[in-house]
């Protein structure tokens, strides 16, 4: 290799070393200038978090923050026993939080906040509805917030006109059916959480609040007009999916009640084979329905 080239390379190397030392010294001086600023690690949003969202570990991160810029309610890492397992995980957000914004305890909805907690606990498109209950109609008072129940309607179907001729073959007076299945219990009276004392003895409530779809809310309130409602407590973790109401269009007793639908089908079938004859008695004429015998 040419000696000139070697000298040039060595010179370039030494110049690079000097430049690097100068830059390092400059950064070091800048860093030393900040040593008087006290900092603390606080919890901030790792991304934009929308209102009503359930907070998870992936939504947040710990970030260094000047202590003189802290405000009441921020969550400091130094105050946590286990920074990886925070009590706020799984809670709902009261307001929208932008990326990089500190997480404040005032932005978290606590379970003890009653009505606000109920509203924030509802799933997308779901509604909270309440029904009156007694010990007899609520599994002896053993139902608790968070349990799953089946909603049972007991009623006395009413028929009019030609339907009366077919009703006796299907029902005499009373009928009972499960109108909704696997429904989540949100609250008992004004209590939306389960306490340790609840496990000691049953405490029957007077009102139970359920989480249902908009259509099933109509079924609930119509059923209250039709008869008496009871709740059957389901086994913990029972898997059969949430069964929504069977109604398709209008929510009436005709399409909520399986009994009435059965009678209606029989009436419709019989009407196909029904003829009428006109009987004359002097000046009077009367149409008489001749119905084919049922098979």
Protein backbone atom coordinates (compact mmCIF):
# COMPACT_ATOMS: atom_id res chain seq x y z
CA UNK A 1 0.00 0.00 0.00
CA UNK A 2 1.26 3.49 -0.78
CA UNK A 3 2.71 5.26 2.31
CA UNK A 4 0.78 8.44 1.48
CA UNK A 5 -2.47 6.53 1.62
CA UNK A 6 -1.54 5.07 5.00
CA UNK A 7 -0.72 8.50 6.40
CA UNK A 8 -4.00 9.88 5.07
CA UNK A 9 -5.99 7.06 6.69
CA UNK A 10 -4.20 7.49 10.02
CA UNK A 11 -4.82 11.20 9.93
CA UNK A 12 -8.50 10.70 9.20
CA UNK A 13 -8.72 8.24 12.08
CA UNK A 14 -7.20 10.65 14.58
CA UNK A 15 -9.44 13.48 13.40
CA UNK A 16 -12.51 11.25 13.84
CA UNK A 17 -11.40 10.38 17.36
CA UNK A 18 -10.99 14.03 18.26
CA UNK A 19 -14.43 14.92 16.85
CA UNK A 20 -16.01 12.06 18.80
CA UNK A 21 -14.41 13.24 22.04
CA UNK A 22 -15.65 16.77 21.45
CA UNK A 23 -19.23 15.58 20.82
CA UNK A 24 -19.14 13.32 23.87
CA UNK A 25 -17.90 16.17 26.00
CA UNK A 26 -20.69 18.41 24.72
CA UNK A 27 -23.40 15.84 25.57
CA UNK A 28 -21.83 15.25 28.95
CA UNK A 29 -21.95 18.97 29.72
CA UNK A 30 -25.60 19.13 28.63
CA UNK A 31 -26.44 16.17 30.83
CA UNK A 32 -24.66 17.69 33.81
CA UNK A 33 -26.73 20.80 33.36
CA UNK A 34 -29.92 18.74 33.90
CA UNK A 35 -28.81 16.94 37.05
CA UNK A 36 -30.55 19.51 39.22
CA UNK A 37 -33.98 18.62 37.72
CA UNK A 38 -35.75 16.00 39.86
CA UNK A 39 -37.76 13.44 37.93
CA UNK A 40 -40.17 10.61 38.65
CA UNK A 41 -41.66 7.82 36.57
CA UNK A 42 -45.41 8.10 36.05
CA UNK A 43 -48.01 6.17 34.08
CA UNK A 44 -48.94 7.67 30.70
CA UNK A 45 -51.13 6.55 27.81
CA UNK A 46 -49.25 4.42 25.30
CA UNK A 47 -51.91 5.25 22.70
CA UNK A 48 -55.20 7.10 22.40
CA UNK A 49 -57.75 5.58 24.80
CA UNK A 50 -61.45 6.20 24.13
CA UNK A 51 -64.09 6.80 26.77
CA UNK A 52 -65.62 3.67 28.29
CA UNK A 53 -62.67 1.48 27.27
CA UNK A 54 -61.38 -1.13 29.71
CA UNK A 55 -57.80 -0.22 30.62
CA UNK A 56 -55.15 -2.87 29.96
CA UNK A 57 -51.40 -3.08 30.47
CA UNK A 58 -50.84 -2.54 26.75
CA UNK A 59 -52.61 0.83 26.90
CA UNK A 60 -50.03 2.45 29.19
CA UNK A 61 -46.31 2.78 29.86
CA UNK A 62 -44.01 4.23 32.53
CA UNK A 63 -42.35 7.50 31.53
CA UNK A 64 -39.91 9.87 33.21
CA UNK A 65 -41.62 13.11 34.23
CA UNK A 66 -40.34 16.26 35.98
CA UNK A 67 -41.46 16.25 39.60
CA UNK A 68 -42.37 19.92 39.53
CA UNK A 69 -44.83 19.15 36.69
CA UNK A 70 -46.69 16.42 38.59
CA UNK A 71 -50.26 16.98 39.71
CA UNK A 72 -52.65 15.30 42.11
CA UNK A 73 -53.98 11.96 40.95
CA UNK A 74 -51.08 10.86 38.72
CA UNK A 75 -49.87 7.29 39.23
CA UNK A 76 -46.20 7.16 40.24
CA UNK A 77 -44.14 4.00 39.85
CA UNK A 78 -42.48 4.59 43.22
CA UNK A 79 -45.88 4.34 44.98
CA UNK A 80 -46.71 0.90 43.58
CA UNK A 81 -45.92 -2.39 45.28
CA UNK A 82 -45.98 -4.18 41.95
CA UNK A 83 -45.80 -1.78 38.96
CA UNK A 84 -46.70 -4.65 36.59
CA UNK A 85 -49.96 -5.45 38.40
CA UNK A 86 -51.92 -2.27 38.92
CA UNK A 87 -55.40 -2.19 40.42
CA UNK A 88 -56.60 0.08 37.62
CA UNK A 89 -56.18 -2.64 35.00
CA UNK A 90 -59.63 -3.90 34.04
CA UNK A 91 -61.32 -0.64 35.05
CA UNK A 92 -63.26 1.65 32.69
CA UNK A 93 -62.10 5.04 31.44
CA UNK A 94 -64.33 8.01 32.31
CA UNK A 95 -63.04 10.26 29.51
CA UNK A 96 -60.88 10.04 26.41
CA UNK A 97 -57.10 10.12 26.99
CA UNK A 98 -54.59 11.10 24.32
CA UNK A 99 -51.31 9.32 23.63
CA UNK A 100 -48.58 10.47 26.03
CA UNK A 101 -51.07 12.00 28.48
CA UNK A 102 -50.59 11.07 32.16
CA UNK A 103 -53.13 8.58 33.52
CA UNK A 104 -55.03 10.22 36.38
CA UNK A 105 -57.03 8.36 39.01
CA UNK A 106 -59.83 10.82 38.29
CA UNK A 107 -60.06 9.39 34.76
CA UNK A 108 -60.74 5.88 36.13
CA UNK A 109 -64.24 4.79 37.10
CA UNK A 110 -64.19 2.85 40.36
CA UNK A 111 -66.65 0.02 41.01
CA UNK A 112 -67.81 1.81 44.16
CA UNK A 113 -69.22 4.68 42.09
CA UNK A 114 -72.53 2.88 41.59
CA UNK A 115 -74.52 4.25 38.66
CA UNK A 116 -71.47 5.57 36.79
CA UNK A 117 -69.90 2.15 37.08
CA UNK A 118 -73.04 0.47 35.73
CA UNK A 119 -73.17 2.77 32.69
CA UNK A 120 -69.49 2.19 31.94
CA UNK A 121 -69.80 -1.58 32.44
CA UNK A 122 -72.35 -2.06 29.66
CA UNK A 123 -71.12 -3.80 26.54
CA UNK A 124 -71.52 -2.26 23.10
CA UNK A 125 -75.20 -1.96 22.19
CA UNK A 126 -76.35 -3.34 25.55
CA UNK A 127 -78.88 -1.86 27.98
CA UNK A 128 -79.44 -2.03 31.73
CA UNK A 129 -82.98 -2.97 32.79
CA UNK A 130 -84.37 -3.66 36.25
CA UNK A 131 -87.09 -6.04 37.39
CA UNK A 132 -88.73 -6.46 40.80
CA UNK A 133 -87.89 -9.72 42.55
CA UNK A 134 -88.42 -11.55 45.81
CA UNK A 135 -86.52 -14.32 47.55
CA UNK A 136 -88.74 -16.88 45.82
CA UNK A 137 -88.22 -15.41 42.35
CA UNK A 138 -84.45 -14.83 42.68
CA UNK A 139 -83.07 -18.21 43.75
CA UNK A 140 -83.61 -17.53 47.43
CA UNK A 141 -81.48 -14.41 47.34
CA UNK A 142 -78.29 -16.23 46.35
CA UNK A 143 -77.93 -14.29 43.08
CA UNK A 144 -75.05 -11.79 43.14
CA UNK A 145 -73.71 -9.10 40.77
CA UNK A 146 -71.69 -10.79 38.04
CA UNK A 147 -73.76 -14.00 38.08
CA UNK A 148 -75.56 -15.32 35.01
CA UNK A 149 -79.28 -16.11 35.07
CA UNK A 150 -82.15 -17.31 32.90
CA UNK A 151 -85.27 -15.13 32.83
CA UNK A 152 -88.52 -17.10 33.14
CA UNK A 153 -91.99 -15.72 32.42
CA UNK A 154 -95.08 -17.28 33.99
CA UNK A 155 -98.36 -15.97 32.62
CA UNK A 156 -101.94 -16.68 31.66
CA UNK A 157 -102.44 -16.47 27.85
CA UNK A 158 -105.54 -14.69 26.65
CA UNK A 159 -107.27 -15.65 23.42
CA UNK A 160 -110.11 -14.03 21.55
CA UNK A 161 -112.41 -14.89 18.68
CA UNK A 162 -111.84 -18.13 16.81
CA UNK A 163 -108.56 -18.75 18.65
CA UNK A 164 -110.53 -19.75 21.75
CA UNK A 165 -111.69 -22.89 19.93
CA UNK A 166 -108.11 -24.13 19.73
CA UNK A 167 -106.57 -22.85 22.96
CA UNK A 168 -107.82 -25.62 25.26
CA UNK A 169 -105.80 -28.24 23.42
CA UNK A 170 -102.62 -26.26 24.13
CA UNK A 171 -103.13 -24.48 27.48
CA UNK A 172 -105.83 -24.33 30.09
CA UNK A 173 -104.82 -21.24 31.99
CA UNK A 174 -101.11 -20.84 32.79
CA UNK A 175 -97.93 -21.10 30.77
CA UNK A 176 -94.24 -20.72 31.59
CA UNK A 177 -91.22 -20.26 29.37
CA UNK A 178 -87.63 -19.01 29.41
CA UNK A 179 -87.72 -15.75 27.48
CA UNK A 180 -83.99 -14.93 27.89
CA UNK A 181 -81.02 -17.11 28.70
CA UNK A 182 -77.52 -16.52 30.07
CA UNK A 183 -78.12 -12.90 31.10
CA UNK A 184 -75.54 -11.02 33.18
CA UNK A 185 -76.58 -9.55 36.54
CA UNK A 186 -75.26 -6.00 36.91
CA UNK A 187 -76.59 -5.03 40.32
CA UNK A 188 -78.82 -6.02 43.24
CA UNK A 189 -80.82 -3.01 44.43
CA UNK A 190 -78.18 -0.20 44.47
CA UNK A 191 -75.24 -2.56 44.90
CA UNK A 192 -73.14 -3.31 41.82
CA UNK A 193 -70.29 -5.29 43.43
CA UNK A 194 -70.00 -8.43 45.45
CA UNK A 195 -68.54 -8.12 48.95
CA UNK A 196 -67.04 -10.76 51.20
CA UNK A 197 -70.06 -10.63 53.49
CA UNK A 198 -72.28 -11.72 50.59
CA UNK A 199 -70.81 -15.20 50.82
CA UNK A 200 -71.86 -15.60 54.44
CA UNK A 201 -75.61 -15.59 53.92
CA UNK A 202 -78.21 -14.87 51.29
CA UNK A 203 -79.64 -11.36 51.27
CA UNK A 204 -82.67 -11.16 48.98
CA UNK A 205 -82.97 -7.89 47.09
CA UNK A 206 -86.08 -6.13 45.83
CA UNK A 207 -84.74 -5.12 42.41
CA UNK A 208 -82.23 -6.79 40.10
CA UNK A 209 -80.58 -4.98 37.18
CA UNK A 210 -79.70 -7.04 34.10
CA UNK A 211 -77.58 -6.41 31.00
CA UNK A 212 -79.56 -7.12 27.83
CA UNK A 213 -79.72 -6.05 24.20
CA UNK A 214 -82.07 -3.29 23.07
CA UNK A 215 -84.54 -5.83 21.68
CA UNK A 216 -84.39 -7.98 24.80
CA UNK A 217 -85.12 -4.89 26.90
CA UNK A 218 -88.46 -4.73 25.07
CA UNK A 219 -89.03 -8.42 25.82
CA UNK A 220 -88.33 -7.82 29.52
CA UNK A 221 -90.78 -4.96 29.91
CA UNK A 222 -93.49 -6.63 27.84
CA UNK A 223 -93.08 -9.77 29.92
CA UNK A 224 -93.60 -7.71 33.08
CA UNK A 225 -97.01 -6.71 31.69
CA UNK A 226 -97.88 -10.26 30.69
CA UNK A 227 -97.19 -11.99 33.98
CA UNK A 228 -94.67 -12.75 36.72
CA UNK A 229 -90.96 -13.02 36.09
CA UNK A 230 -88.44 -15.18 37.92
CA UNK A 231 -84.69 -15.67 37.68
CA UNK A 232 -82.96 -19.04 37.58
CA UNK A 233 -79.32 -18.97 38.70
CA UNK A 234 -76.94 -20.62 36.23
CA UNK A 235 -73.87 -22.65 37.13
CA UNK A 236 -70.55 -20.80 37.26
CA UNK A 237 -68.86 -20.85 33.87
CA UNK A 238 -71.70 -22.70 32.13
CA UNK A 239 -71.08 -22.46 28.40
CA UNK A 240 -73.96 -22.27 25.95
CA UNK A 241 -73.63 -18.75 24.55
CA UNK A 242 -75.91 -15.78 25.06
CA UNK A 243 -79.33 -16.60 23.67
CA UNK A 244 -81.12 -13.51 22.48
CA UNK A 245 -84.88 -13.22 22.23
CA UNK A 246 -86.66 -15.20 19.55
CA UNK A 247 -88.54 -12.18 18.25
CA UNK A 248 -87.73 -11.00 14.75
CA UNK A 249 -89.77 -7.87 14.15
CA UNK A 250 -92.47 -6.63 16.52
CA UNK A 251 -92.21 -7.49 20.21
CA UNK A 252 -95.72 -8.62 21.15
CA UNK A 253 -97.15 -11.37 23.27
CA UNK A 254 -97.90 -13.23 20.03
CA UNK A 255 -94.25 -13.63 19.14
CA UNK A 256 -92.80 -13.72 22.65
CA UNK A 257 -95.11 -16.53 23.78
CA UNK A 258 -94.47 -19.97 22.29
CA UNK A 259 -97.93 -21.04 23.50
CA UNK A 260 -99.77 -18.33 21.59
CA UNK A 261 -97.70 -19.03 18.48
CA UNK A 262 -98.64 -22.72 18.67
CA UNK A 263 -102.35 -21.89 18.90
CA UNK A 264 -102.05 -19.41 16.04
CA UNK A 265 -100.42 -22.02 13.80
CA UNK A 266 -103.26 -24.46 14.49
CA UNK A 267 -105.83 -21.80 13.73
CA UNK A 268 -104.09 -20.89 10.47
CA UNK A 269 -103.88 -24.53 9.43
CA UNK A 270 -107.53 -25.18 10.21
CA UNK A 271 -108.70 -22.10 8.34
CA UNK A 272 -107.36 -23.55 5.10
CA UNK A 273 -109.81 -26.44 5.35
CA UNK A 274 -112.71 -24.38 6.67
CA UNK A 275 -115.86 -23.77 4.61
CA UNK A 276 -118.96 -21.78 5.37
CA UNK A 277 -122.56 -22.40 4.42
CA UNK A 278 -125.45 -19.96 4.47
CA UNK A 279 -128.57 -21.06 6.32
CA UNK A 280 -131.84 -19.27 5.51
CA UNK A 281 -134.66 -19.02 8.01
CA UNK A 282 -137.43 -16.99 6.48
CA UNK A 283 -135.99 -13.57 5.81
CA UNK A 284 -132.95 -14.19 8.02
CA UNK A 285 -129.70 -15.62 6.68
CA UNK A 286 -126.72 -16.78 8.75
CA UNK A 287 -123.23 -17.95 7.73
CA UNK A 288 -122.18 -21.06 9.61
CA UNK A 289 -118.54 -22.15 9.70
CA UNK A 290 -117.99 -25.80 8.90
CA UNK A 291 -114.61 -26.86 10.25
CA UNK A 292 -112.84 -30.01 9.16
CA UNK A 293 -112.08 -32.50 11.91
CA UNK A 294 -108.53 -32.31 13.29
CA UNK A 295 -106.29 -35.23 12.55
